[in-house]
Amino acid sequence: MTASEIKTEVLKAAEADKLEQYKKFFQCFPGGYGDSDSFAGIRNPVLRSAFRNYQHISLDTFFELFTDPIHEIRLCPCLPWN
């Protein structure tokens, strides 16, 4: 499975109403903690469930996901370590 396929599947779980909450919590405004961060609006339990089928990924896929501009996508490859 490629990183783009995983990203597409995971982003299906995005919730628009959560997006604004995350932007506020992570201070996504100029000068804020998450100034340059992007969010999709996916809650962690939903993210874990969506990524459960993709835990056995290659190292290349891991790094491609880990360097994605979207916060939740960067979190995905780290979830199996919890």
C-alpha atoms as a PDB file:
ATOM      1  CA  MET A   1       0.000   0.000   0.000  1.00  0.00           C
ATOM      2  CA  THR A   2       1.405   3.407  -0.945  1.00  0.00           C
ATOM      3  CA  ALA A   3       1.455   6.483   1.260  1.00  0.00           C
ATOM      4  CA  SER A   4      -0.982   8.305  -1.019  1.00  0.00           C
ATOM      5  CA  GLU A   5      -3.480   5.416  -0.816  1.00  0.00           C
ATOM      6  CA  ILE A   6      -3.225   5.365   2.972  1.00  0.00           C
ATOM      7  CA  LYS A   7      -3.586   9.138   3.123  1.00  0.00           C
ATOM      8  CA  THR A   8      -6.706   9.017   0.941  1.00  0.00           C
ATOM      9  CA  GLU A   9      -8.309   6.359   3.150  1.00  0.00           C
ATOM     10  CA  VAL A  10      -7.437   8.112   6.411  1.00  0.00           C
ATOM     11  CA  LEU A  11      -8.687  11.503   5.201  1.00  0.00           C
ATOM     12  CA  LYS A  12     -12.124   9.995   4.603  1.00  0.00           C
ATOM     13  CA  ALA A  13     -12.533  10.127   8.391  1.00  0.00           C
ATOM     14  CA  ALA A  14     -12.086  13.916   8.526  1.00  0.00           C
ATOM     15  CA  GLU A  15     -14.725  15.910  10.404  1.00  0.00           C
ATOM     16  CA  ALA A  16     -15.101  19.552   9.388  1.00  0.00           C
ATOM     17  CA  ASP A  17     -16.479  20.610  12.782  1.00  0.00           C
ATOM     18  CA  LYS A  18     -13.343  19.285  14.543  1.00  0.00           C
ATOM     19  CA  LEU A  19     -11.040  21.224  12.235  1.00  0.00           C
ATOM     20  CA  GLU A  20     -11.753  24.605  13.829  1.00  0.00           C
ATOM     21  CA  GLN A  21     -11.378  23.156  17.330  1.00  0.00           C
ATOM     22  CA  TYR A  22      -7.939  21.757  16.451  1.00  0.00           C
ATOM     23  CA  LYS A  23      -6.804  25.013  14.871  1.00  0.00           C
ATOM     24  CA  LYS A  24      -7.743  26.869  18.042  1.00  0.00           C
ATOM     25  CA  PHE A  25      -6.213  24.285  20.415  1.00  0.00           C
ATOM     26  CA  PHE A  26      -2.918  24.086  18.487  1.00  0.00           C
ATOM     27  CA  GLN A  27      -2.803  27.872  18.035  1.00  0.00           C
ATOM     28  CA  CYS A  28      -2.729  27.820  14.230  1.00  0.00           C
ATOM     29  CA  PHE A  29      -2.342  31.534  13.695  1.00  0.00           C
ATOM     30  CA  PRO A  30       0.648  33.723  12.854  1.00  0.00           C
ATOM     31  CA  GLY A  31       3.042  33.566  15.788  1.00  0.00           C
ATOM     32  CA  GLY A  32       1.140  30.692  17.436  1.00  0.00           C
ATOM     33  CA  TYR A  33       2.515  27.282  18.394  1.00  0.00           C
ATOM     34  CA  GLY A  34       1.037  25.591  15.295  1.00  0.00           C
ATOM     35  CA  ASP A  35       1.564  28.542  12.953  1.00  0.00           C
ATOM     36  CA  SER A  36       2.553  26.455   9.914  1.00  0.00           C
ATOM     37  CA  ASP A  37       0.631  23.288  10.797  1.00  0.00           C
ATOM     38  CA  SER A  38      -2.301  21.884   8.811  1.00  0.00           C
ATOM     39  CA  PHE A  39      -5.109  19.737  10.170  1.00  0.00           C
ATOM     40  CA  ALA A  40      -7.782  17.486   8.683  1.00  0.00           C
ATOM     41  CA  GLY A  41     -10.057  17.312  11.741  1.00  0.00           C
ATOM     42  CA  ILE A  42      -9.718  13.629  12.629  1.00  0.00           C
ATOM     43  CA  ARG A  43     -10.122  12.569  16.267  1.00  0.00           C
ATOM     44  CA  ASN A  44      -7.424  10.202  17.592  1.00  0.00           C
ATOM     45  CA  PRO A  45      -9.717   7.187  18.209  1.00  0.00           C
ATOM     46  CA  VAL A  46     -11.050   7.520  14.666  1.00  0.00           C
ATOM     47  CA  LEU A  47      -7.502   7.943  13.334  1.00  0.00           C
ATOM     48  CA  ARG A  48      -6.347   4.791  15.143  1.00  0.00           C
ATOM     49  CA  SER A  49      -9.263   2.842  13.731  1.00  0.00           C
ATOM     50  CA  ALA A  50      -8.667   4.127  10.197  1.00  0.00           C
ATOM     51  CA  PHE A  51      -4.936   3.309  10.308  1.00  0.00           C
ATOM     52  CA  ARG A  52      -5.330  -0.117  11.963  1.00  0.00           C
ATOM     53  CA  ASN A  53      -5.271  -1.907   8.582  1.00  0.00           C
ATOM     54  CA  TYR A  54      -2.019  -0.236   7.531  1.00  0.00           C
ATOM     55  CA  GLN A  55       0.291  -0.972  10.450  1.00  0.00           C
ATOM     56  CA  HIS A  56       2.710  -3.073   8.386  1.00  0.00           C
ATOM     57  CA  ILE A  57       4.142  -0.458   6.049  1.00  0.00           C
ATOM     58  CA  SER A  58       7.560  -0.107   4.459  1.00  0.00           C
ATOM     59  CA  LEU A  59      10.127   2.299   5.844  1.00  0.00           C
ATOM     60  CA  ASP A  60       9.775   4.483   2.739  1.00  0.00           C
ATOM     61  CA  THR A  61       6.013   4.724   3.281  1.00  0.00           C
ATOM     62  CA  PHE A  62       6.606   5.480   6.968  1.00  0.00           C
ATOM     63  CA  PHE A  63       8.843   8.448   6.150  1.00  0.00           C
ATOM     64  CA  GLU A  64       6.551   9.703   3.405  1.00  0.00           C
ATOM     65  CA  LEU A  65       3.627   9.768   5.853  1.00  0.00           C
ATOM     66  CA  PHE A  66       5.786  11.146   8.678  1.00  0.00           C
ATOM     67  CA  THR A  67       6.813  14.164   6.578  1.00  0.00           C
ATOM     68  CA  ASP A  68       3.311  14.994   5.296  1.00  0.00           C
ATOM     69  CA  PRO A  69       2.120  18.587   5.889  1.00  0.00           C
ATOM     70  CA  ILE A  70      -1.105  17.392   7.591  1.00  0.00           C
ATOM     71  CA  HIS A  71      -0.786  16.782  11.329  1.00  0.00           C
ATOM     72  CA  GLU A  72      -3.000  13.678  11.503  1.00  0.00           C
ATOM     73  CA  ILE A  73      -1.205  12.018   8.575  1.00  0.00           C
ATOM     74  CA  ARG A  74       2.160  12.610  10.285  1.00  0.00           C
ATOM     75  CA  LEU A  75       0.758  10.930  13.406  1.00  0.00           C
ATOM     76  CA  CYS A  76      -0.402   7.772  11.590  1.00  0.00           C
ATOM     77  CA  PRO A  77       2.917   5.924  11.255  1.00  0.00           C
ATOM     78  CA  CYS A  78       3.608   6.510  14.968  1.00  0.00           C
ATOM     79  CA  LEU A  79       0.322   4.969  16.164  1.00  0.00           C
ATOM     80  CA  PRO A  80       1.482   1.316  16.208  1.00  0.00           C
ATOM     81  CA  TRP A  81       4.181   2.307  18.735  1.00  0.00           C
ATOM     82  CA  ASN A  82       1.635   3.301  21.409  1.00  0.00           C
END
